[in-house]
PDB file of N, CA and C in Angstrom:
ATOM      1  N   MET A   1       0.833  -1.127   0.073  1.00  0.00           N
ATOM      2  CA  MET A   1       0.136  -0.056   0.026  1.00  0.00           C
ATOM      3  C   MET A   1       0.915   1.270   0.193  1.00  0.00           C
ATOM      4  N   ASN A   2       0.611   2.315  -0.664  1.00  0.00           N
ATOM      5  CA  ASN A   2       1.222   3.506  -1.005  1.00  0.00           C
ATOM      6  C   ASN A   2       0.663   4.396  -0.110  1.00  0.00           C
ATOM      7  N   HIS A   3       1.329   5.265   0.589  1.00  0.00           N
ATOM      8  CA  HIS A   3       0.888   6.131   1.478  1.00  0.00           C
ATOM      9  C   HIS A   3       0.712   7.608   0.708  1.00  0.00           C
ATOM     10  N   ILE A   4      -0.215   8.278   0.721  1.00  0.00           N
ATOM     11  CA  ILE A   4      -0.471   9.689   0.249  1.00  0.00           C
ATOM     12  C   ILE A   4       0.001  10.660   1.248  1.00  0.00           C
ATOM     13  N   VAL A   5       1.206  11.356   0.559  1.00  0.00           N
ATOM     14  CA  VAL A   5       1.810  12.435   1.568  1.00  0.00           C
ATOM     15  C   VAL A   5       1.624  13.721   0.972  1.00  0.00           C
ATOM     16  N   THR A   6       1.422  14.644   1.780  1.00  0.00           N
ATOM     17  CA  THR A   6       1.532  16.063   1.344  1.00  0.00           C
ATOM     18  C   THR A   6       2.931  16.448   0.746  1.00  0.00           C
ATOM     19  N   VAL A   7       2.899  17.556  -0.035  1.00  0.00           N
ATOM     20  CA  VAL A   7       3.866  18.154  -0.438  1.00  0.00           C
ATOM     21  C   VAL A   7       4.140  19.463  -0.104  1.00  0.00           C
ATOM     22  N   GLN A   8       3.216  19.727   1.066  1.00  0.00           N
ATOM     23  CA  GLN A   8       3.448  21.221   1.385  1.00  0.00           C
ATOM     24  C   GLN A   8       4.579  21.453   1.896  1.00  0.00           C
ATOM     25  N   ASP A   9       5.648  20.906   2.379  1.00  0.00           N
ATOM     26  CA  ASP A   9       6.863  21.407   2.923  1.00  0.00           C
ATOM     27  C   ASP A   9       7.784  21.566   1.764  1.00  0.00           C
ATOM     28  N   ALA A  10       7.541  20.611   0.452  1.00  0.00           N
ATOM     29  CA  ALA A  10       8.466  20.790  -0.630  1.00  0.00           C
ATOM     30  C   ALA A  10       8.009  22.013  -1.558  1.00  0.00           C
ATOM     31  N   VAL A  11       6.447  22.473  -1.293  1.00  0.00           N
ATOM     32  CA  VAL A  11       6.229  23.502  -2.361  1.00  0.00           C
ATOM     33  C   VAL A  11       6.429  24.726  -1.500  1.00  0.00           C
ATOM     34  N   THR A  12       6.319  24.832  -0.232  1.00  0.00           N
ATOM     35  CA  THR A  12       6.710  26.137   0.746  1.00  0.00           C
ATOM     36  C   THR A  12       8.090  26.099   1.368  1.00  0.00           C
ATOM     37  N   ALA A  13       8.739  25.321   0.980  1.00  0.00           N
ATOM     38  CA  ALA A  13      10.307  25.225   1.450  1.00  0.00           C
ATOM     39  C   ALA A  13      11.007  26.285   1.199  1.00  0.00           C
ATOM     40  N   PHE A  14      11.034  26.899  -0.100  1.00  0.00           N
ATOM     41  CA  PHE A  14      11.686  28.102  -0.539  1.00  0.00           C
ATOM     42  C   PHE A  14      10.808  29.511  -0.510  1.00  0.00           C
ATOM     43  N   ALA A  15       9.711  29.347   0.054  1.00  0.00           N
ATOM     44  CA  ALA A  15       8.943  30.501   0.013  1.00  0.00           C
ATOM     45  C   ALA A  15       9.576  31.912   0.420  1.00  0.00           C
ATOM     46  N   ASP A  16      10.376  31.738   1.378  1.00  0.00           N
ATOM     47  CA  ASP A  16      11.156  33.021   2.047  1.00  0.00           C
ATOM     48  C   ASP A  16      12.014  33.595   0.840  1.00  0.00           C
ATOM     49  N   PHE A  17      12.608  32.716   0.229  1.00  0.00           N
ATOM     50  CA  PHE A  17      13.429  33.226  -1.104  1.00  0.00           C
ATOM     51  C   PHE A  17      12.791  33.552  -2.358  1.00  0.00           C
ATOM     52  N   MET A  18      11.434  33.312  -2.108  1.00  0.00           N
ATOM     53  CA  MET A  18      10.637  33.751  -3.542  1.00  0.00           C
ATOM     54  C   MET A  18      10.041  35.011  -3.224  1.00  0.00           C
ATOM     55  N   GLU A  19      10.090  35.600  -1.986  1.00  0.00           N
ATOM     56  CA  GLU A  19       9.466  37.082  -1.840  1.00  0.00           C
ATOM     57  C   GLU A  19      10.428  38.165  -2.823  1.00  0.00           C
ATOM     58  N   PRO A  20       9.701  39.068  -3.123  1.00  0.00           N
ATOM     59  CA  PRO A  20      10.355  40.203  -3.548  1.00  0.00           C
ATOM     60  C   PRO A  20      11.026  40.832  -2.482  1.00  0.00           C
ATOM     61  N   THR A  21      12.439  41.600  -2.995  1.00  0.00           N
ATOM     62  CA  THR A  21      12.819  42.163  -2.342  1.00  0.00           C
ATOM     63  C   THR A  21      12.587  43.426  -2.058  1.00  0.00           C
ATOM     64  N   ASN A  22      13.040  44.344  -1.267  1.00  0.00           N
ATOM     65  CA  ASN A  22      12.765  45.724  -1.167  1.00  0.00           C
ATOM     66  C   ASN A  22      13.189  46.531  -2.362  1.00  0.00           C
ATOM     67  N   ALA A  23      14.228  46.402  -2.950  1.00  0.00           N
ATOM     68  CA  ALA A  23      14.581  46.961  -4.155  1.00  0.00           C
ATOM     69  C   ALA A  23      13.499  46.863  -5.231  1.00  0.00           C
ATOM     70  N   GLU A  24      13.216  45.265  -5.328  1.00  0.00           N
ATOM     71  CA  GLU A  24      11.946  44.902  -6.381  1.00  0.00           C
ATOM     72  C   GLU A  24      10.793  45.602  -6.197  1.00  0.00           C
ATOM     73  N   LEU A  25      10.291  46.029  -5.000  1.00  0.00           N
ATOM     74  CA  LEU A  25       9.293  46.258  -4.308  1.00  0.00           C
ATOM     75  C   LEU A  25       9.042  48.057  -4.711  1.00  0.00           C
ATOM     76  N   ASN A  26      10.339  48.459  -4.623  1.00  0.00           N
ATOM     77  CA  ASN A  26      10.328  49.810  -4.626  1.00  0.00           C
ATOM     78  C   ASN A  26      10.519  50.221  -6.482  1.00  0.00           C
ATOM     79  N   ALA A  27      10.968  49.382  -7.089  1.00  0.00           N
ATOM     80  CA  ALA A  27      10.826  49.366  -8.658  1.00  0.00           C
ATOM     81  C   ALA A  27       9.431  49.306  -9.210  1.00  0.00           C
ATOM     82  N   ILE A  28       8.705  48.254  -8.352  1.00  0.00           N
ATOM     83  CA  ILE A  28       7.326  48.170  -8.720  1.00  0.00           C
ATOM     84  C   ILE A  28       6.511  49.427  -8.501  1.00  0.00           C
ATOM     85  N   GLU A  29       6.958  49.992  -7.320  1.00  0.00           N
ATOM     86  CA  GLU A  29       6.187  51.228  -6.863  1.00  0.00           C
ATOM     87  C   GLU A  29       6.497  52.370  -7.690  1.00  0.00           C
ATOM     88  N   CYS A  30       7.667  52.286  -8.290  1.00  0.00           N
ATOM     89  CA  CYS A  30       7.932  53.615  -9.005  1.00  0.00           C
ATOM     90  C   CYS A  30       7.410  53.612 -10.374  1.00  0.00           C
ATOM     91  N   ALA A  31       7.363  52.059 -10.842  1.00  0.00           N
ATOM     92  CA  ALA A  31       6.647  51.984 -12.185  1.00  0.00           C
ATOM     93  C   ALA A  31       5.079  52.027 -12.163  1.00  0.00           C
ATOM     94  N   MET A  32       4.482  51.956 -10.777  1.00  0.00           N
ATOM     95  CA  MET A  32       3.195  51.786 -10.782  1.00  0.00           C
ATOM     96  C   MET A  32       2.211  52.916 -11.632  1.00  0.00           C
ATOM     97  N   PRO A  33       2.740  54.133 -11.841  1.00  0.00           N
ATOM     98  CA  PRO A  33       1.886  55.074 -12.783  1.00  0.00           C
ATOM     99  C   PRO A  33       1.855  54.626 -14.218  1.00  0.00           C
ATOM    100  N   VAL A  34       2.967  53.944 -14.538  1.00  0.00           N
ATOM    101  CA  VAL A  34       2.933  53.613 -15.867  1.00  0.00           C
ATOM    102  C   VAL A  34       2.019  52.173 -16.059  1.00  0.00           C
ATOM    103  N   ILE A  35       2.326  51.371 -15.236  1.00  0.00           N
ATOM    104  CA  ILE A  35       1.153  50.215 -15.077  1.00  0.00           C
ATOM    105  C   ILE A  35      -0.265  50.533 -15.052  1.00  0.00           C
ATOM    106  N   LEU A  36      -0.582  51.432 -14.162  1.00  0.00           N
ATOM    107  CA  LEU A  36      -2.075  51.910 -14.168  1.00  0.00           C
ATOM    108  C   LEU A  36      -2.602  52.763 -15.439  1.00  0.00           C
ATOM    109  N   ALA A  37      -1.660  53.557 -16.004  1.00  0.00           N
ATOM    110  CA  ALA A  37      -1.968  54.104 -17.398  1.00  0.00           C
ATOM    111  C   ALA A  37      -2.054  52.936 -18.535  1.00  0.00           C
ATOM    112  N   ASP A  38      -1.351  52.031 -18.593  1.00  0.00           N
ATOM    113  CA  ASP A  38      -1.335  50.938 -19.460  1.00  0.00           C
ATOM    114  C   ASP A  38      -2.538  50.178 -19.138  1.00  0.00           C
ATOM    115  N   VAL A  39      -3.086  49.884 -17.907  1.00  0.00           N
ATOM    116  CA  VAL A  39      -4.323  49.361 -17.861  1.00  0.00           C
ATOM    117  C   VAL A  39      -5.280  50.317 -18.144  1.00  0.00           C
ATOM    118  N   GLU A  40      -5.426  51.428 -18.133  1.00  0.00           N
ATOM    119  CA  GLU A  40      -6.535  52.492 -18.611  1.00  0.00           C
ATOM    120  C   GLU A  40      -6.552  52.386 -20.040  1.00  0.00           C
ATOM    121  N   LEU A  41      -5.518  52.314 -20.758  1.00  0.00           N
ATOM    122  CA  LEU A  41      -5.273  52.203 -22.143  1.00  0.00           C
ATOM    123  C   LEU A  41      -6.140  50.869 -22.550  1.00  0.00           C
ATOM    124  N   LEU A  42      -5.508  49.861 -21.738  1.00  0.00           N
ATOM    125  CA  LEU A  42      -6.402  48.587 -22.255  1.00  0.00           C
ATOM    126  C   LEU A  42      -7.920  48.542 -21.974  1.00  0.00           C
ATOM    127  N   ASP A  43      -8.143  49.179 -20.903  1.00  0.00           N
ATOM    128  CA  ASP A  43      -9.745  49.306 -20.717  1.00  0.00           C
ATOM    129  C   ASP A  43     -10.363  50.102 -22.016  1.00  0.00           C
ATOM    130  N   ALA A  44      -9.803  50.902 -22.232  1.00  0.00           N
ATOM    131  CA  ALA A  44     -10.234  51.777 -23.450  1.00  0.00           C
ATOM    132  C   ALA A  44     -10.326  51.224 -24.827  1.00  0.00           C
ATOM    133  N   HIS A  45      -9.433  50.360 -25.149  1.00  0.00           N
ATOM    134  CA  HIS A  45      -9.435  49.382 -26.100  1.00  0.00           C
ATOM    135  C   HIS A  45     -10.480  48.315 -26.023  1.00  0.00           C
ATOM    136  N   ILE A  46     -10.420  47.625 -24.956  1.00  0.00           N
ATOM    137  CA  ILE A  46     -11.353  46.699 -24.814  1.00  0.00           C
ATOM    138  C   ILE A  46     -12.783  46.964 -24.801  1.00  0.00           C
ATOM    139  N   VAL A  47     -13.136  48.128 -24.625  1.00  0.00           N
ATOM    140  CA  VAL A  47     -14.786  48.792 -24.589  1.00  0.00           C
ATOM    141  C   VAL A  47     -14.997  48.377 -26.224  1.00  0.00           C
ATOM    142  N   THR A  48     -13.878  48.864 -26.881  1.00  0.00           N
ATOM    143  CA  THR A  48     -14.483  48.946 -28.392  1.00  0.00           C
ATOM    144  C   THR A  48     -14.163  47.612 -29.416  1.00  0.00           C
ATOM    145  N   LEU A  49     -13.947  46.549 -28.486  1.00  0.00           N
ATOM    146  CA  LEU A  49     -13.654  45.162 -29.449  1.00  0.00           C
ATOM    147  C   LEU A  49     -14.930  44.837 -30.070  1.00  0.00           C
ATOM    148  N   ASP A  50     -15.943  44.962 -29.324  1.00  0.00           N
ATOM    149  CA  ASP A  50     -17.200  44.214 -30.072  1.00  0.00           C
ATOM    150  C   ASP A  50     -18.207  45.308 -30.777  1.00  0.00           C
ATOM    151  N   ARG A  51     -17.613  46.694 -31.223  1.00  0.00           N
ATOM    152  CA  ARG A  51     -18.309  47.392 -31.635  1.00  0.00           C
ATOM    153  C   ARG A  51     -17.435  48.516 -32.395  1.00  0.00           C
ATOM    154  N   THR A  52     -18.020  49.400 -33.318  1.00  0.00           N
ATOM    155  CA  THR A  52     -17.271  50.476 -33.935  1.00  0.00           C
ATOM    156  C   THR A  52     -16.975  51.476 -32.637  1.00  0.00           C
ATOM    157  N   PRO A  53     -15.966  52.045 -32.784  1.00  0.00           N
ATOM    158  CA  PRO A  53     -15.619  53.051 -31.828  1.00  0.00           C
ATOM    159  C   PRO A  53     -16.516  54.356 -32.328  1.00  0.00           C
ATOM    160  N   THR A  54     -17.058  54.830 -30.989  1.00  0.00           N
ATOM    161  CA  THR A  54     -17.661  56.142 -31.353  1.00  0.00           C
ATOM    162  C   THR A  54     -16.573  57.388 -31.154  1.00  0.00           C
ATOM    163  N   GLU A  55     -17.126  58.590 -31.439  1.00  0.00           N
ATOM    164  CA  GLU A  55     -16.165  59.709 -31.188  1.00  0.00           C
ATOM    165  C   GLU A  55     -15.685  59.551 -29.620  1.00  0.00           C
ATOM    166  N   LEU A  56     -16.606  59.400 -28.830  1.00  0.00           N
ATOM    167  CA  LEU A  56     -16.179  59.182 -27.284  1.00  0.00           C
ATOM    168  C   LEU A  56     -15.336  58.392 -26.994  1.00  0.00           C
ATOM    169  N   ASP A  57     -15.241  57.175 -27.754  1.00  0.00           N
ATOM    170  CA  ASP A  57     -14.297  55.922 -27.681  1.00  0.00           C
ATOM    171  C   ASP A  57     -13.101  56.362 -28.201  1.00  0.00           C
ATOM    172  N   GLU A  58     -13.016  57.172 -29.075  1.00  0.00           N
ATOM    173  CA  GLU A  58     -11.803  57.558 -29.714  1.00  0.00           C
ATOM    174  C   GLU A  58     -11.023  58.626 -28.859  1.00  0.00           C
ATOM    175  N   ARG A  59     -11.878  59.472 -28.239  1.00  0.00           N
ATOM    176  CA  ARG A  59     -11.164  60.465 -27.503  1.00  0.00           C
ATOM    177  C   ARG A  59     -10.648  59.798 -26.163  1.00  0.00           C
ATOM    178  N   ARG A  60     -11.312  58.989 -25.749  1.00  0.00           N
ATOM    179  CA  ARG A  60     -10.999  58.214 -24.614  1.00  0.00           C
ATOM    180  C   ARG A  60      -9.653  57.334 -24.848  1.00  0.00           C
ATOM    181  N   ILE A  61      -9.593  56.655 -25.998  1.00  0.00           N
ATOM    182  CA  ILE A  61      -8.346  55.939 -26.176  1.00  0.00           C
ATOM    183  C   ILE A  61      -7.128  56.948 -26.512  1.00  0.00           C
ATOM    184  N   ARG A  62      -7.379  58.191 -27.160  1.00  0.00           N
ATOM    185  CA  ARG A  62      -6.518  59.126 -27.302  1.00  0.00           C
ATOM    186  C   ARG A  62      -6.129  59.478 -25.944  1.00  0.00           C
ATOM    187  N   ARG A  63      -6.899  59.956 -25.002  1.00  0.00           N
ATOM    188  CA  ARG A  63      -6.600  60.360 -23.711  1.00  0.00           C
ATOM    189  C   ARG A  63      -5.886  59.238 -22.993  1.00  0.00           C
ATOM    190  N   ALA A  64      -6.272  58.257 -22.857  1.00  0.00           N
ATOM    191  CA  ALA A  64      -5.569  57.085 -22.172  1.00  0.00           C
ATOM    192  C   ALA A  64      -3.903  56.978 -22.974  1.00  0.00           C
ATOM    193  N   ARG A  65      -3.986  57.028 -24.321  1.00  0.00           N
ATOM    194  CA  ARG A  65      -2.609  56.893 -24.676  1.00  0.00           C
ATOM    195  C   ARG A  65      -1.689  58.135 -24.428  1.00  0.00           C
ATOM    196  N   ARG A  66      -2.273  59.289 -24.564  1.00  0.00           N
ATOM    197  CA  ARG A  66      -1.325  60.466 -24.038  1.00  0.00           C
ATOM    198  C   ARG A  66      -1.029  60.194 -22.409  1.00  0.00           C
ATOM    199  N   ARG A  67      -1.980  59.768 -21.628  1.00  0.00           N
ATOM    200  CA  ARG A  67      -1.534  59.313 -20.199  1.00  0.00           C
ATOM    201  C   ARG A  67      -0.301  58.266 -20.127  1.00  0.00           C
ATOM    202  N   ALA A  68      -0.637  57.351 -20.784  1.00  0.00           N
ATOM    203  CA  ALA A  68       0.388  56.194 -20.743  1.00  0.00           C
ATOM    204  C   ALA A  68       1.914  56.836 -21.137  1.00  0.00           C
ATOM    205  N   LEU A  69       1.999  57.456 -22.259  1.00  0.00           N
ATOM    206  CA  LEU A  69       3.159  58.104 -22.887  1.00  0.00           C
ATOM    207  C   LEU A  69       3.648  59.038 -21.750  1.00  0.00           C
ATOM    208  N   ALA A  70       2.905  59.737 -21.132  1.00  0.00           N
ATOM    209  CA  ALA A  70       3.397  60.830 -20.176  1.00  0.00           C
ATOM    210  C   ALA A  70       3.907  60.198 -18.964  1.00  0.00           C
ATOM    211  N   ALA A  71       3.278  58.993 -18.438  1.00  0.00           N
ATOM    212  CA  ALA A  71       3.585  58.200 -17.531  1.00  0.00           C
ATOM    213  C   ALA A  71       4.933  57.735 -17.759  1.00  0.00           C
ATOM    214  N   ARG A  72       5.204  57.220 -19.059  1.00  0.00           N
ATOM    215  CA  ARG A  72       6.686  56.658 -19.160  1.00  0.00           C
ATOM    216  C   ARG A  72       7.824  57.600 -19.281  1.00  0.00           C
ATOM    217  N   VAL A  73       7.295  58.818 -20.051  1.00  0.00           N
ATOM    218  CA  VAL A  73       8.311  59.787 -19.807  1.00  0.00           C
ATOM    219  C   VAL A  73       8.808  60.393 -18.659  1.00  0.00           C
ATOM    220  N   ALA A  74       7.571  60.299 -17.656  1.00  0.00           N
ATOM    221  CA  ALA A  74       7.995  60.877 -16.349  1.00  0.00           C
ATOM    222  C   ALA A  74       8.933  59.676 -15.763  1.00  0.00           C
ATOM    223  N   LEU A  75       8.595  58.308 -15.880  1.00  0.00           N
ATOM    224  CA  LEU A  75       9.406  57.291 -15.179  1.00  0.00           C
ATOM    225  C   LEU A  75      11.004  57.490 -15.973  1.00  0.00           C
ATOM    226  N   VAL A  76      11.056  57.504 -17.136  1.00  0.00           N
ATOM    227  CA  VAL A  76      12.318  57.927 -17.788  1.00  0.00           C
ATOM    228  C   VAL A  76      12.971  58.979 -17.019  1.00  0.00           C
ATOM    229  N   ASN A  77      12.503  60.165 -17.122  1.00  0.00           N
ATOM    230  CA  ASN A  77      12.988  61.414 -16.431  1.00  0.00           C
ATOM    231  C   ASN A  77      13.248  61.117 -15.095  1.00  0.00           C
ATOM    232  N   ARG A  78      12.591  60.325 -14.316  1.00  0.00           N
ATOM    233  CA  ARG A  78      13.070  60.328 -12.848  1.00  0.00           C
ATOM    234  C   ARG A  78      14.048  59.252 -12.790  1.00  0.00           C
ATOM    235  N   ALA A  79      14.102  58.406 -13.768  1.00  0.00           N
ATOM    236  CA  ALA A  79      15.366  57.379 -13.390  1.00  0.00           C
ATOM    237  C   ALA A  79      16.478  58.100 -14.109  1.00  0.00           C
ATOM    238  N   ALA A  80      16.260  59.166 -15.187  1.00  0.00           N
ATOM    239  CA  ALA A  80      17.740  59.632 -15.741  1.00  0.00           C
ATOM    240  C   ALA A  80      18.042  60.614 -14.471  1.00  0.00           C
ATOM    241  N   GLY A  81      16.933  61.284 -13.796  1.00  0.00           N
ATOM    242  CA  GLY A  81      17.659  62.210 -12.849  1.00  0.00           C
ATOM    243  C   GLY A  81      18.279  61.587 -11.587  1.00  0.00           C
ATOM    244  N   THR A  82      17.812  60.440 -11.224  1.00  0.00           N
ATOM    245  CA  THR A  82      18.516  59.789 -10.164  1.00  0.00           C
ATOM    246  C   THR A  82      19.936  59.103 -10.674  1.00  0.00           C
ATOM    247  N   SER A  83      20.137  59.049 -11.754  1.00  0.00           N
ATOM    248  CA  SER A  83      21.302  58.393 -12.241  1.00  0.00           C
ATOM    249  C   SER A  83      22.570  59.362 -12.659  1.00  0.00           C
ATOM    250  N   LEU A  84      22.246  60.623 -13.071  1.00  0.00           N
ATOM    251  CA  LEU A  84      22.892  61.627 -13.152  1.00  0.00           C
ATOM    252  C   LEU A  84      23.500  62.187 -12.057  1.00  0.00           C
ATOM    253  N   HIS A  85      24.738  62.608 -11.988  1.00  0.00           N
ATOM    254  CA  HIS A  85      25.202  63.242 -10.685  1.00  0.00           C
ATOM    255  C   HIS A  85      26.061  64.646 -11.155  1.00  0.00           C
ATOM    256  N   GLY A  86      26.073  65.545 -10.100  1.00  0.00           N
ATOM    257  CA  GLY A  86      26.794  66.749 -10.399  1.00  0.00           C
ATOM    258  C   GLY A  86      25.537  67.896 -11.038  1.00  0.00           C
ATOM    259  N   GLY A  87      24.640  67.551 -10.783  1.00  0.00           N
ATOM    260  CA  GLY A  87      23.601  68.561 -11.318  1.00  0.00           C
ATOM    261  C   GLY A  87      23.212  68.702 -12.625  1.00  0.00           C
ATOM    262  N   ALA A  88      23.688  67.426 -13.574  1.00  0.00           N
ATOM    263  CA  ALA A  88      23.447  67.516 -14.910  1.00  0.00           C
ATOM    264  C   ALA A  88      21.961  67.278 -15.268  1.00  0.00           C
ATOM    265  N   ALA A  89      21.169  66.918 -14.365  1.00  0.00           N
ATOM    266  CA  ALA A  89      19.674  66.403 -14.814  1.00  0.00           C
ATOM    267  C   ALA A  89      19.103  67.607 -14.925  1.00  0.00           C
TER     268      ALA A  89
END
């Protein structure tokens, strides 16, 4: 007779090593405006999947695209500002 054993210890044995580090959490937090802007853009596109986009839909997509691009520019500028030394930013 074979005994059925749990594999809980094998699955969770490395759970501490699989947690994100503080640096990774900080990077996610810095990128959160870009992530949220991309989600808003995807939502705007999803609304128009099953119908012809109206003028309001097109404005919503354009607005969401501009917000996503602005969030990316802000992230790049923030990253460039922290990497440049000597007041060159």
